[in-house]
């Protein structure tokens, strides 16, 4: 099975520093990141649009050329941090539609999209899901014209039953899920049970491993913080087995958001260790 990373692993180095994190000694440019991908022994990359500095055709063609030359599969990731805000943000919807063309220009067959976030998690979900079903149904028609599939991420917002409801509501082969293993745990949904439900619809992944942080309130989203794959609570080997059984054609993308205090400022090491761990656990699939 193919292994990759999401560029969000380096969000702190890109300049997005969470409260409680240390600013980096030196920031990473998007061009630096593209160069870094050549050293990581990966098969694919998910590119967060929030870190892409410009979207003119020449620049996007340059990204495509770099990825093609290095033989990298790719996902274009739109929606950080709050996406469509549970269906309330029409301006974000128009932006999402615009980015479908950008995904096509870099040669991405899949575009990760975000319907909501933890900011709207405790508002009523049914009205959100109704609005999002309409929005994603319309967006999927546009995406199909470009040959791009949309993959909605569970973004510390909805559980697997709600994501499945959304997918079935849109009811299109051009709409599926960007399965984030850690974010299901963060809404107290079993990632294995979630994968059993959603595997036929998985178009992209975020593979996290998490463990609790002592002294952090249980209701804080980063109570479960990122550790290297294999050192946390998530049985990612089982997740990979289920995906393999369902003939998943994408890559397993390592993602790191809030590092566990045991690994403060160690994004580089955590990413490399996680890539190798995924290689090891998938080698017999």
Protein backbone atom coordinates (compact mmCIF):
# COMPACT_ATOMS: atom_id res chain seq x y z
CA UNK A 1 0.00 0.00 0.00
CA UNK A 2 1.23 3.49 -0.82
CA UNK A 3 2.46 5.81 1.94
CA UNK A 4 2.45 9.61 1.95
CA UNK A 5 2.11 12.68 4.13
CA UNK A 6 -0.16 15.68 4.47
CA UNK A 7 1.63 19.02 4.40
CA UNK A 8 -0.24 19.96 7.58
CA UNK A 9 2.36 17.90 9.45
CA UNK A 10 4.54 21.00 9.26
CA UNK A 11 1.92 23.62 10.10
CA UNK A 12 4.05 25.05 12.92
CA UNK A 13 6.98 25.44 10.54
CA UNK A 14 4.69 27.11 7.99
CA UNK A 15 3.86 29.68 10.66
CA UNK A 16 0.60 28.35 12.08
CA UNK A 17 1.57 28.01 15.73
CA UNK A 18 -1.05 26.80 18.21
CA UNK A 19 -1.36 28.26 21.69
CA UNK A 20 1.09 26.36 23.86
CA UNK A 21 3.46 25.61 20.98
CA UNK A 22 6.88 27.16 20.41
CA UNK A 23 7.44 29.30 17.32
CA UNK A 24 9.88 27.59 14.95
CA UNK A 25 13.49 28.76 14.81
CA UNK A 26 13.09 29.00 11.03
CA UNK A 27 9.94 28.92 8.94
CA UNK A 28 9.36 26.56 6.05
CA UNK A 29 8.30 27.91 2.65
CA UNK A 30 6.02 25.94 0.36
CA UNK A 31 8.93 25.49 -2.02
CA UNK A 32 11.01 24.14 0.87
CA UNK A 33 8.27 21.64 1.56
CA UNK A 34 8.19 20.44 -2.04
CA UNK A 35 11.94 19.91 -1.89
CA UNK A 36 11.55 18.05 1.40
CA UNK A 37 9.18 15.54 -0.18
CA UNK A 38 12.09 14.26 -2.27
CA UNK A 39 13.89 13.10 0.89
CA UNK A 40 11.07 11.30 2.69
CA UNK A 41 10.66 8.05 0.74
CA UNK A 42 6.97 8.63 0.15
CA UNK A 43 4.57 7.79 -2.66
CA UNK A 44 2.11 10.63 -2.28
CA UNK A 45 1.41 14.00 -0.78
CA UNK A 46 -1.70 15.86 0.32
CA UNK A 47 -1.23 19.59 -0.19
CA UNK A 48 -3.10 21.93 2.13
CA UNK A 49 -4.24 24.89 0.05
CA UNK A 50 -3.83 27.23 3.04
CA UNK A 51 -0.05 26.86 2.66
CA UNK A 52 0.07 27.32 -1.13
CA UNK A 53 1.20 30.93 -1.66
CA UNK A 54 -0.46 31.62 -5.02
CA UNK A 55 -2.92 30.06 -7.42
CA UNK A 56 -2.09 31.45 -10.86
CA UNK A 57 -1.90 28.87 -13.62
CA UNK A 58 1.87 29.05 -14.02
CA UNK A 59 2.49 28.41 -10.33
CA UNK A 60 0.05 25.50 -10.19
CA UNK A 61 1.61 24.01 -13.31
CA UNK A 62 4.97 24.23 -11.55
CA UNK A 63 3.58 22.23 -8.62
CA UNK A 64 2.21 19.61 -11.00
CA UNK A 65 5.52 19.38 -12.81
CA UNK A 66 7.42 18.85 -9.54
CA UNK A 67 5.02 16.13 -8.38
CA UNK A 68 5.07 14.43 -11.78
CA UNK A 69 8.85 14.45 -11.93
CA UNK A 70 9.05 12.84 -8.50
CA UNK A 71 6.33 10.29 -9.19
CA UNK A 72 4.09 11.46 -6.36
CA UNK A 73 0.39 10.74 -6.09
CA UNK A 74 -1.48 13.76 -4.81
CA UNK A 75 -4.54 15.06 -3.00
CA UNK A 76 -5.52 18.72 -3.03
CA UNK A 77 -6.76 19.70 0.44
CA UNK A 78 -9.20 22.59 0.87
CA UNK A 79 -11.07 23.77 3.95
CA UNK A 80 -8.71 24.56 6.81
CA UNK A 81 -9.72 25.47 9.45
CA UNK A 82 -13.52 25.54 9.42
CA UNK A 83 -14.57 24.73 5.88
CA UNK A 84 -18.22 25.44 5.18
CA UNK A 85 -18.90 26.11 8.88
CA UNK A 86 -21.64 23.51 9.05
CA UNK A 87 -23.26 24.86 5.90
CA UNK A 88 -23.49 28.47 7.05
CA UNK A 89 -20.69 30.03 4.99
CA UNK A 90 -21.75 30.70 1.39
CA UNK A 91 -18.53 32.60 0.68
CA UNK A 92 -16.53 29.53 1.67
CA UNK A 93 -18.73 27.47 -0.66
CA UNK A 94 -17.84 29.73 -3.58
CA UNK A 95 -14.17 29.46 -2.63
CA UNK A 96 -14.41 25.66 -2.53
CA UNK A 97 -15.91 25.64 -6.02
CA UNK A 98 -13.05 27.83 -7.25
CA UNK A 99 -10.45 25.47 -5.77
CA UNK A 100 -11.80 22.49 -7.69
CA UNK A 101 -10.16 23.96 -10.78
CA UNK A 102 -6.90 24.37 -8.85
CA UNK A 103 -7.02 20.71 -7.83
CA UNK A 104 -7.42 19.77 -11.46
CA UNK A 105 -4.50 21.97 -12.51
CA UNK A 106 -2.06 20.19 -10.18
CA UNK A 107 -3.33 16.85 -11.44
CA UNK A 108 -5.07 15.81 -8.23
CA UNK A 109 -7.79 13.19 -8.76
CA UNK A 110 -9.10 13.83 -5.23
CA UNK A 111 -9.82 17.07 -3.37
CA UNK A 112 -10.25 16.93 0.41
CA UNK A 113 -13.07 19.22 1.54
CA UNK A 114 -14.29 20.27 4.99
CA UNK A 115 -17.91 20.67 5.95
CA UNK A 116 -17.46 21.83 9.51
CA UNK A 117 -15.08 21.75 12.48
CA UNK A 118 -14.91 21.51 16.24
CA UNK A 119 -16.00 25.17 16.37
CA UNK A 120 -19.52 24.07 15.34
CA UNK A 121 -19.50 20.60 16.87
CA UNK A 122 -22.01 21.37 19.63
CA UNK A 123 -24.58 23.04 17.41
CA UNK A 124 -27.47 20.85 16.14
CA UNK A 125 -26.12 18.49 13.50
CA UNK A 126 -29.21 17.64 11.46
CA UNK A 127 -29.65 21.18 10.05
CA UNK A 128 -25.93 21.23 9.26
CA UNK A 129 -26.06 17.90 7.45
CA UNK A 130 -29.07 19.00 5.41
CA UNK A 131 -27.29 22.18 4.26
CA UNK A 132 -24.04 20.33 3.60
CA UNK A 133 -25.81 17.66 1.56
CA UNK A 134 -27.17 20.36 -0.73
CA UNK A 135 -23.82 22.18 -0.94
CA UNK A 136 -21.77 19.07 -1.65
CA UNK A 137 -24.34 17.78 -4.16
CA UNK A 138 -23.94 20.99 -6.14
CA UNK A 139 -20.15 21.02 -5.76
CA UNK A 140 -19.87 17.39 -6.84
CA UNK A 141 -21.53 18.21 -10.16
CA UNK A 142 -18.80 20.79 -10.78
CA UNK A 143 -16.07 18.42 -9.62
CA UNK A 144 -17.28 15.72 -12.00
CA UNK A 145 -16.79 18.10 -14.92
CA UNK A 146 -13.12 18.37 -13.91
CA UNK A 147 -12.71 14.66 -13.23
CA UNK A 148 -12.02 15.40 -9.54
CA UNK A 149 -13.58 13.48 -6.65
CA UNK A 150 -14.46 15.32 -3.45
CA UNK A 151 -13.57 13.68 -0.13
CA UNK A 152 -15.14 15.15 2.98
CA UNK A 153 -12.99 14.91 6.10
CA UNK A 154 -14.35 14.05 9.52
CA UNK A 155 -12.95 17.20 11.09
CA UNK A 156 -13.66 16.74 14.82
CA UNK A 157 -17.25 17.47 13.91
CA UNK A 158 -19.25 14.40 12.88
CA UNK A 159 -19.18 10.74 13.80
CA UNK A 160 -19.06 7.93 11.26
CA UNK A 161 -22.84 7.50 11.07
CA UNK A 162 -23.21 11.19 10.24
CA UNK A 163 -20.45 11.06 7.63
CA UNK A 164 -22.16 8.02 6.09
CA UNK A 165 -25.46 9.91 6.09
CA UNK A 166 -23.79 12.76 4.23
CA UNK A 167 -22.21 10.46 1.66
CA UNK A 168 -25.46 8.63 1.00
CA UNK A 169 -27.31 11.93 0.80
CA UNK A 170 -25.00 13.26 -1.91
CA UNK A 171 -25.10 9.86 -3.61
CA UNK A 172 -22.39 10.34 -6.22
CA UNK A 173 -19.32 8.30 -7.22
CA UNK A 174 -17.53 11.65 -7.16
CA UNK A 175 -18.12 12.11 -3.42
CA UNK A 176 -16.59 10.12 -0.58
CA UNK A 177 -14.60 10.50 2.60
CA UNK A 178 -11.13 11.64 3.64
CA UNK A 179 -10.90 9.24 6.59
CA UNK A 180 -9.07 10.80 9.55
CA UNK A 181 -8.35 8.05 12.05
CA UNK A 182 -7.50 10.41 14.90
CA UNK A 183 -10.47 12.71 14.49
CA UNK A 184 -12.91 9.85 14.92
CA UNK A 185 -11.26 8.99 18.23
CA UNK A 186 -11.55 12.64 19.25
CA UNK A 187 -15.34 12.50 18.93
CA UNK A 188 -15.25 9.17 20.83
CA UNK A 189 -16.11 7.10 17.77
CA UNK A 190 -14.24 3.81 17.39
CA UNK A 191 -11.95 4.20 14.33
CA UNK A 192 -12.21 0.48 13.45
CA UNK A 193 -16.00 0.49 13.51
CA UNK A 194 -15.93 3.74 11.54
CA UNK A 195 -13.67 2.20 8.89
CA UNK A 196 -15.86 -0.88 8.58
CA UNK A 197 -18.77 1.45 7.70
CA UNK A 198 -16.89 3.86 5.48
CA UNK A 199 -14.17 1.84 3.74
CA UNK A 200 -16.13 1.53 0.44
CA UNK A 201 -16.24 5.33 0.26
CA UNK A 202 -12.68 6.21 1.34
CA UNK A 203 -10.92 8.34 -1.28
CA UNK A 204 -8.11 9.72 0.90
CA UNK A 205 -6.78 9.37 4.44
CA UNK A 206 -5.18 11.15 7.35
CA UNK A 207 -3.37 8.59 9.46
CA UNK A 208 -2.77 9.80 12.99
CA UNK A 209 -1.76 8.02 16.15
CA UNK A 210 -2.82 9.61 19.42
CA UNK A 211 -2.43 9.24 23.15
CA UNK A 212 -3.83 11.24 26.07
CA UNK A 213 -1.96 14.16 27.61
CA UNK A 214 -1.84 14.24 31.39
CA UNK A 215 -3.19 17.44 32.88
CA UNK A 216 -5.22 18.43 29.80
CA UNK A 217 -9.02 18.53 30.24
CA UNK A 218 -10.74 15.55 28.64
CA UNK A 219 -13.04 17.89 26.68
CA UNK A 220 -10.09 19.71 25.05
CA UNK A 221 -9.66 18.59 21.44
CA UNK A 222 -5.93 18.03 21.96
CA UNK A 223 -6.47 15.77 25.00
CA UNK A 224 -5.62 13.12 22.40
CA UNK A 225 -2.36 14.45 20.91
CA UNK A 226 -0.18 13.13 18.10
CA UNK A 227 2.60 10.62 18.60
CA UNK A 228 4.51 8.53 16.04
CA UNK A 229 2.48 5.80 14.38
CA UNK A 230 2.57 2.70 16.53
CA UNK A 231 3.01 4.51 19.84
CA UNK A 232 -0.57 5.54 20.44
CA UNK A 233 -4.07 4.11 20.82
CA UNK A 234 -5.12 3.74 17.18
CA UNK A 235 -4.78 0.29 15.54
CA UNK A 236 -3.68 1.66 12.18
CA UNK A 237 -2.60 -1.80 10.99
CA UNK A 238 -6.20 -2.97 11.24
CA UNK A 239 -7.39 0.16 9.43
CA UNK A 240 -4.93 -0.55 6.61
CA UNK A 241 -6.12 -4.16 6.42
CA UNK A 242 -9.74 -3.06 6.01
CA UNK A 243 -8.78 -0.56 3.31
CA UNK A 244 -6.75 -3.21 1.49
CA UNK A 245 -9.71 -5.59 1.62
CA UNK A 246 -11.82 -2.90 -0.06
CA UNK A 247 -9.18 -2.28 -2.76
CA UNK A 248 -8.34 1.25 -1.63
CA UNK A 249 -6.36 2.94 -4.41
CA UNK A 250 -5.07 5.98 -2.55
CA UNK A 251 -2.20 6.39 -0.10
CA UNK A 252 -1.99 6.39 3.68
CA UNK A 253 -1.16 10.01 4.50
CA UNK A 254 0.60 10.69 7.79
CA UNK A 255 -0.85 13.78 9.45
CA UNK A 256 0.36 15.55 12.58
CA UNK A 257 -1.56 18.41 14.19
CA UNK A 258 -0.98 18.95 17.92
CA UNK A 259 2.15 17.10 18.99
CA UNK A 260 2.11 15.30 22.31
CA UNK A 261 4.37 17.05 24.87
CA UNK A 262 6.70 14.04 24.72
CA UNK A 263 7.53 15.15 21.16
CA UNK A 264 7.51 18.94 21.40
CA UNK A 265 9.05 20.57 18.29
CA UNK A 266 9.89 17.17 16.78
CA UNK A 267 7.71 17.20 13.66
CA UNK A 268 10.54 16.02 11.44
CA UNK A 269 11.33 12.98 13.58
CA UNK A 270 7.67 12.07 14.16
CA UNK A 271 6.90 12.22 10.44
CA UNK A 272 9.90 10.08 9.47
CA UNK A 273 9.19 7.53 12.19
CA UNK A 274 5.53 7.35 11.19
CA UNK A 275 6.35 6.82 7.52
CA UNK A 276 8.62 3.92 8.39
CA UNK A 277 6.07 2.45 10.78
CA UNK A 278 3.40 2.53 8.07
CA UNK A 279 5.84 0.88 5.65
CA UNK A 280 6.42 -1.88 8.17
CA UNK A 281 2.80 -2.51 9.05
CA UNK A 282 1.64 -2.60 5.41
CA UNK A 283 4.48 -4.62 3.88
CA UNK A 284 2.50 -7.88 3.98
CA UNK A 285 -0.74 -6.45 2.60
